[in-house]
């Protein structure tokens, strides 16, 4: 139960920071392009790489599983799930499975877009 609470709290923090970035980008860059989404995806992916690298190569046994959950699944998960997707792709690629990594990227993008279009279609049909 403690792990769920840590993820819940972290996701709230990450979501609030994401909202602040979106508002700030809209204010300073305009709304003609999704600068906020691009910013959180790039920054979140950088932070995921930095945290994963630190945990893998520098942290040793001093970092606990609860802290990892709070930072990665919680804060970064609330900030952007694109960082988790990016980490998945790179880990698959680093295992030497470039074809699977490319398939995962293609499937994630295409199926997610198709699912969004389908969800819109269902609601539009219900509203008609």
C-alpha atoms as a PDB file:
ATOM      1  CA  UNK A   1       0.000   0.000   0.000  1.00  0.00           C
ATOM      2  CA  UNK A   2       2.911   2.337   0.733  1.00  0.00           C
ATOM      3  CA  UNK A   3       4.122   2.043  -2.877  1.00  0.00           C
ATOM      4  CA  UNK A   4       0.722   3.138  -4.230  1.00  0.00           C
ATOM      5  CA  UNK A   5       0.692   6.148  -1.916  1.00  0.00           C
ATOM      6  CA  UNK A   6       4.191   7.179  -3.042  1.00  0.00           C
ATOM      7  CA  UNK A   7       3.191   6.905  -6.708  1.00  0.00           C
ATOM      8  CA  UNK A   8      -0.051   8.790  -6.015  1.00  0.00           C
ATOM      9  CA  UNK A   9       1.748  11.659  -4.287  1.00  0.00           C
ATOM     10  CA  UNK A  10       4.489  11.818  -6.896  1.00  0.00           C
ATOM     11  CA  UNK A  11       1.979  11.797  -9.757  1.00  0.00           C
ATOM     12  CA  UNK A  12       0.162  14.727  -8.167  1.00  0.00           C
ATOM     13  CA  UNK A  13       3.387  16.712  -8.014  1.00  0.00           C
ATOM     14  CA  UNK A  14       4.317  15.773 -11.581  1.00  0.00           C
ATOM     15  CA  UNK A  15       0.857  16.632 -12.878  1.00  0.00           C
ATOM     16  CA  UNK A  16       0.927  20.025 -11.182  1.00  0.00           C
ATOM     17  CA  UNK A  17       4.355  20.776 -12.667  1.00  0.00           C
ATOM     18  CA  UNK A  18       3.127  19.667 -16.100  1.00  0.00           C
ATOM     19  CA  UNK A  19       0.182  22.054 -15.814  1.00  0.00           C
ATOM     20  CA  UNK A  20       2.529  24.889 -14.848  1.00  0.00           C
ATOM     21  CA  UNK A  21       4.762  24.173 -17.853  1.00  0.00           C
ATOM     22  CA  UNK A  22       1.744  24.082 -20.183  1.00  0.00           C
ATOM     23  CA  UNK A  23       0.414  27.380 -18.833  1.00  0.00           C
ATOM     24  CA  UNK A  24       3.852  29.015 -19.006  1.00  0.00           C
ATOM     25  CA  UNK A  25       4.503  27.827 -22.554  1.00  0.00           C
ATOM     26  CA  UNK A  26       1.070  29.001 -23.709  1.00  0.00           C
ATOM     27  CA  UNK A  27       1.683  32.405 -22.137  1.00  0.00           C
ATOM     28  CA  UNK A  28       5.183  32.907 -23.522  1.00  0.00           C
ATOM     29  CA  UNK A  29       5.126  30.922 -26.791  1.00  0.00           C
ATOM     30  CA  UNK A  30       1.496  31.097 -27.847  1.00  0.00           C
ATOM     31  CA  UNK A  31      -0.904  28.296 -28.602  1.00  0.00           C
ATOM     32  CA  UNK A  32      -0.305  27.748 -32.321  1.00  0.00           C
ATOM     33  CA  UNK A  33       2.050  24.846 -31.528  1.00  0.00           C
ATOM     34  CA  UNK A  34       1.948  22.442 -28.533  1.00  0.00           C
ATOM     35  CA  UNK A  35       5.145  23.806 -26.951  1.00  0.00           C
ATOM     36  CA  UNK A  36       4.086  22.697 -23.477  1.00  0.00           C
ATOM     37  CA  UNK A  37       3.647  19.067 -24.503  1.00  0.00           C
ATOM     38  CA  UNK A  38       6.912  19.075 -26.418  1.00  0.00           C
ATOM     39  CA  UNK A  39       8.699  20.611 -23.431  1.00  0.00           C
ATOM     40  CA  UNK A  40       7.399  18.096 -20.884  1.00  0.00           C
ATOM     41  CA  UNK A  41       8.137  15.173 -23.222  1.00  0.00           C
ATOM     42  CA  UNK A  42      11.732  16.261 -23.837  1.00  0.00           C
ATOM     43  CA  UNK A  43      12.473  17.367 -20.266  1.00  0.00           C
ATOM     44  CA  UNK A  44      10.747  14.306 -18.807  1.00  0.00           C
ATOM     45  CA  UNK A  45      12.706  11.989 -21.083  1.00  0.00           C
ATOM     46  CA  UNK A  46      15.978  13.683 -20.144  1.00  0.00           C
ATOM     47  CA  UNK A  47      15.164  13.364 -16.439  1.00  0.00           C
ATOM     48  CA  UNK A  48      14.144   9.708 -16.843  1.00  0.00           C
ATOM     49  CA  UNK A  49      17.469   8.992 -18.546  1.00  0.00           C
ATOM     50  CA  UNK A  50      19.400  10.848 -15.864  1.00  0.00           C
ATOM     51  CA  UNK A  51      17.588   9.087 -13.012  1.00  0.00           C
ATOM     52  CA  UNK A  52      17.790   5.646 -14.661  1.00  0.00           C
ATOM     53  CA  UNK A  53      21.489   6.179 -15.370  1.00  0.00           C
ATOM     54  CA  UNK A  54      22.160   7.354 -11.837  1.00  0.00           C
ATOM     55  CA  UNK A  55      20.329   4.395 -10.344  1.00  0.00           C
ATOM     56  CA  UNK A  56      22.093   1.936 -12.665  1.00  0.00           C
ATOM     57  CA  UNK A  57      25.637   3.284 -12.508  1.00  0.00           C
ATOM     58  CA  UNK A  58      26.124   5.607  -9.533  1.00  0.00           C
ATOM     59  CA  UNK A  59      23.607   5.119  -6.762  1.00  0.00           C
ATOM     60  CA  UNK A  60      24.589   1.694  -5.504  1.00  0.00           C
ATOM     61  CA  UNK A  61      22.423   0.252  -2.777  1.00  0.00           C
ATOM     62  CA  UNK A  62      21.672   3.626  -1.216  1.00  0.00           C
ATOM     63  CA  UNK A  63      18.590   4.253  -3.334  1.00  0.00           C
ATOM     64  CA  UNK A  64      15.472   2.492  -2.231  1.00  0.00           C
ATOM     65  CA  UNK A  65      12.726   1.053  -4.376  1.00  0.00           C
ATOM     66  CA  UNK A  66      10.196   3.443  -2.772  1.00  0.00           C
ATOM     67  CA  UNK A  67      12.293   6.468  -3.778  1.00  0.00           C
ATOM     68  CA  UNK A  68      12.622   5.134  -7.335  1.00  0.00           C
ATOM     69  CA  UNK A  69       8.854   4.644  -7.514  1.00  0.00           C
ATOM     70  CA  UNK A  70       8.223   8.154  -6.168  1.00  0.00           C
ATOM     71  CA  UNK A  71      10.589   9.814  -8.663  1.00  0.00           C
ATOM     72  CA  UNK A  72      10.060   7.785 -11.840  1.00  0.00           C
ATOM     73  CA  UNK A  73       6.594   6.235 -11.754  1.00  0.00           C
ATOM     74  CA  UNK A  74       5.190   9.027  -9.577  1.00  0.00           C
ATOM     75  CA  UNK A  75       6.648  12.428 -10.416  1.00  0.00           C
ATOM     76  CA  UNK A  76       7.817  11.677 -13.958  1.00  0.00           C
ATOM     77  CA  UNK A  77       4.738   9.560 -14.653  1.00  0.00           C
ATOM     78  CA  UNK A  78       2.532  12.477 -13.638  1.00  0.00           C
ATOM     79  CA  UNK A  79       4.709  14.905 -15.578  1.00  0.00           C
ATOM     80  CA  UNK A  80       4.832  12.832 -18.781  1.00  0.00           C
ATOM     81  CA  UNK A  81       4.382   9.181 -19.644  1.00  0.00           C
ATOM     82  CA  UNK A  82       6.488   9.822 -22.728  1.00  0.00           C
ATOM     83  CA  UNK A  83       9.578   9.513 -20.535  1.00  0.00           C
ATOM     84  CA  UNK A  84       8.643   5.936 -19.599  1.00  0.00           C
ATOM     85  CA  UNK A  85       7.941   5.148 -23.262  1.00  0.00           C
ATOM     86  CA  UNK A  86      11.325   6.615 -24.237  1.00  0.00           C
ATOM     87  CA  UNK A  87      13.110   4.540 -21.592  1.00  0.00           C
ATOM     88  CA  UNK A  88      11.335   1.379 -22.780  1.00  0.00           C
ATOM     89  CA  UNK A  89      12.400   2.018 -26.385  1.00  0.00           C
ATOM     90  CA  UNK A  90      16.034   2.666 -25.460  1.00  0.00           C
ATOM     91  CA  UNK A  91      16.252  -0.399 -23.198  1.00  0.00           C
ATOM     92  CA  UNK A  92      14.863  -2.624 -25.962  1.00  0.00           C
ATOM     93  CA  UNK A  93      17.290  -1.018 -28.453  1.00  0.00           C
ATOM     94  CA  UNK A  94      20.249  -1.507 -26.092  1.00  0.00           C
ATOM     95  CA  UNK A  95      19.375  -5.213 -25.809  1.00  0.00           C
ATOM     96  CA  UNK A  96      20.131  -5.366 -29.532  1.00  0.00           C
ATOM     97  CA  UNK A  97      16.501  -5.685 -30.570  1.00  0.00           C
ATOM     98  CA  UNK A  98      16.250  -2.709 -32.943  1.00  0.00           C
ATOM     99  CA  UNK A  99      13.367  -4.246 -34.894  1.00  0.00           C
ATOM    100  CA  UNK A 100      11.301  -4.760 -31.761  1.00  0.00           C
ATOM    101  CA  UNK A 101      12.113  -1.206 -30.614  1.00  0.00           C
ATOM    102  CA  UNK A 102      10.999   0.213 -33.971  1.00  0.00           C
ATOM    103  CA  UNK A 103       7.867  -1.921 -33.901  1.00  0.00           C
ATOM    104  CA  UNK A 104       7.079  -0.708 -30.399  1.00  0.00           C
ATOM    105  CA  UNK A 105       7.480   2.936 -31.484  1.00  0.00           C
ATOM    106  CA  UNK A 106       5.303   2.427 -34.565  1.00  0.00           C
ATOM    107  CA  UNK A 107       2.654   0.442 -32.675  1.00  0.00           C
ATOM    108  CA  UNK A 108       2.561   2.944 -29.804  1.00  0.00           C
ATOM    109  CA  UNK A 109       2.119   5.957 -32.070  1.00  0.00           C
ATOM    110  CA  UNK A 110      -0.263   4.403 -34.593  1.00  0.00           C
ATOM    111  CA  UNK A 111      -2.414   2.487 -32.112  1.00  0.00           C
ATOM    112  CA  UNK A 112      -2.611   5.458 -29.735  1.00  0.00           C
ATOM    113  CA  UNK A 113      -3.710   7.757 -32.554  1.00  0.00           C
ATOM    114  CA  UNK A 114      -6.226   5.172 -33.751  1.00  0.00           C
ATOM    115  CA  UNK A 115      -7.556   4.743 -30.210  1.00  0.00           C
ATOM    116  CA  UNK A 116      -7.977   8.499 -29.804  1.00  0.00           C
ATOM    117  CA  UNK A 117      -9.819   8.785 -33.132  1.00  0.00           C
ATOM    118  CA  UNK A 118     -12.003   5.819 -32.119  1.00  0.00           C
ATOM    119  CA  UNK A 119     -12.808   7.378 -28.764  1.00  0.00           C
ATOM    120  CA  UNK A 120     -13.791  10.641 -30.446  1.00  0.00           C
ATOM    121  CA  UNK A 121     -15.936   8.734 -32.959  1.00  0.00           C
ATOM    122  CA  UNK A 122     -17.775   6.845 -30.203  1.00  0.00           C
ATOM    123  CA  UNK A 123     -18.605  10.028 -28.305  1.00  0.00           C
ATOM    124  CA  UNK A 124     -19.586  11.889 -31.512  1.00  0.00           C
ATOM    125  CA  UNK A 125     -21.914   9.000 -32.423  1.00  0.00           C
ATOM    126  CA  UNK A 126     -23.462   9.078 -28.950  1.00  0.00           C
ATOM    127  CA  UNK A 127     -23.952  12.833 -29.154  1.00  0.00           C
ATOM    128  CA  UNK A 128     -25.661  12.696 -32.561  1.00  0.00           C
END
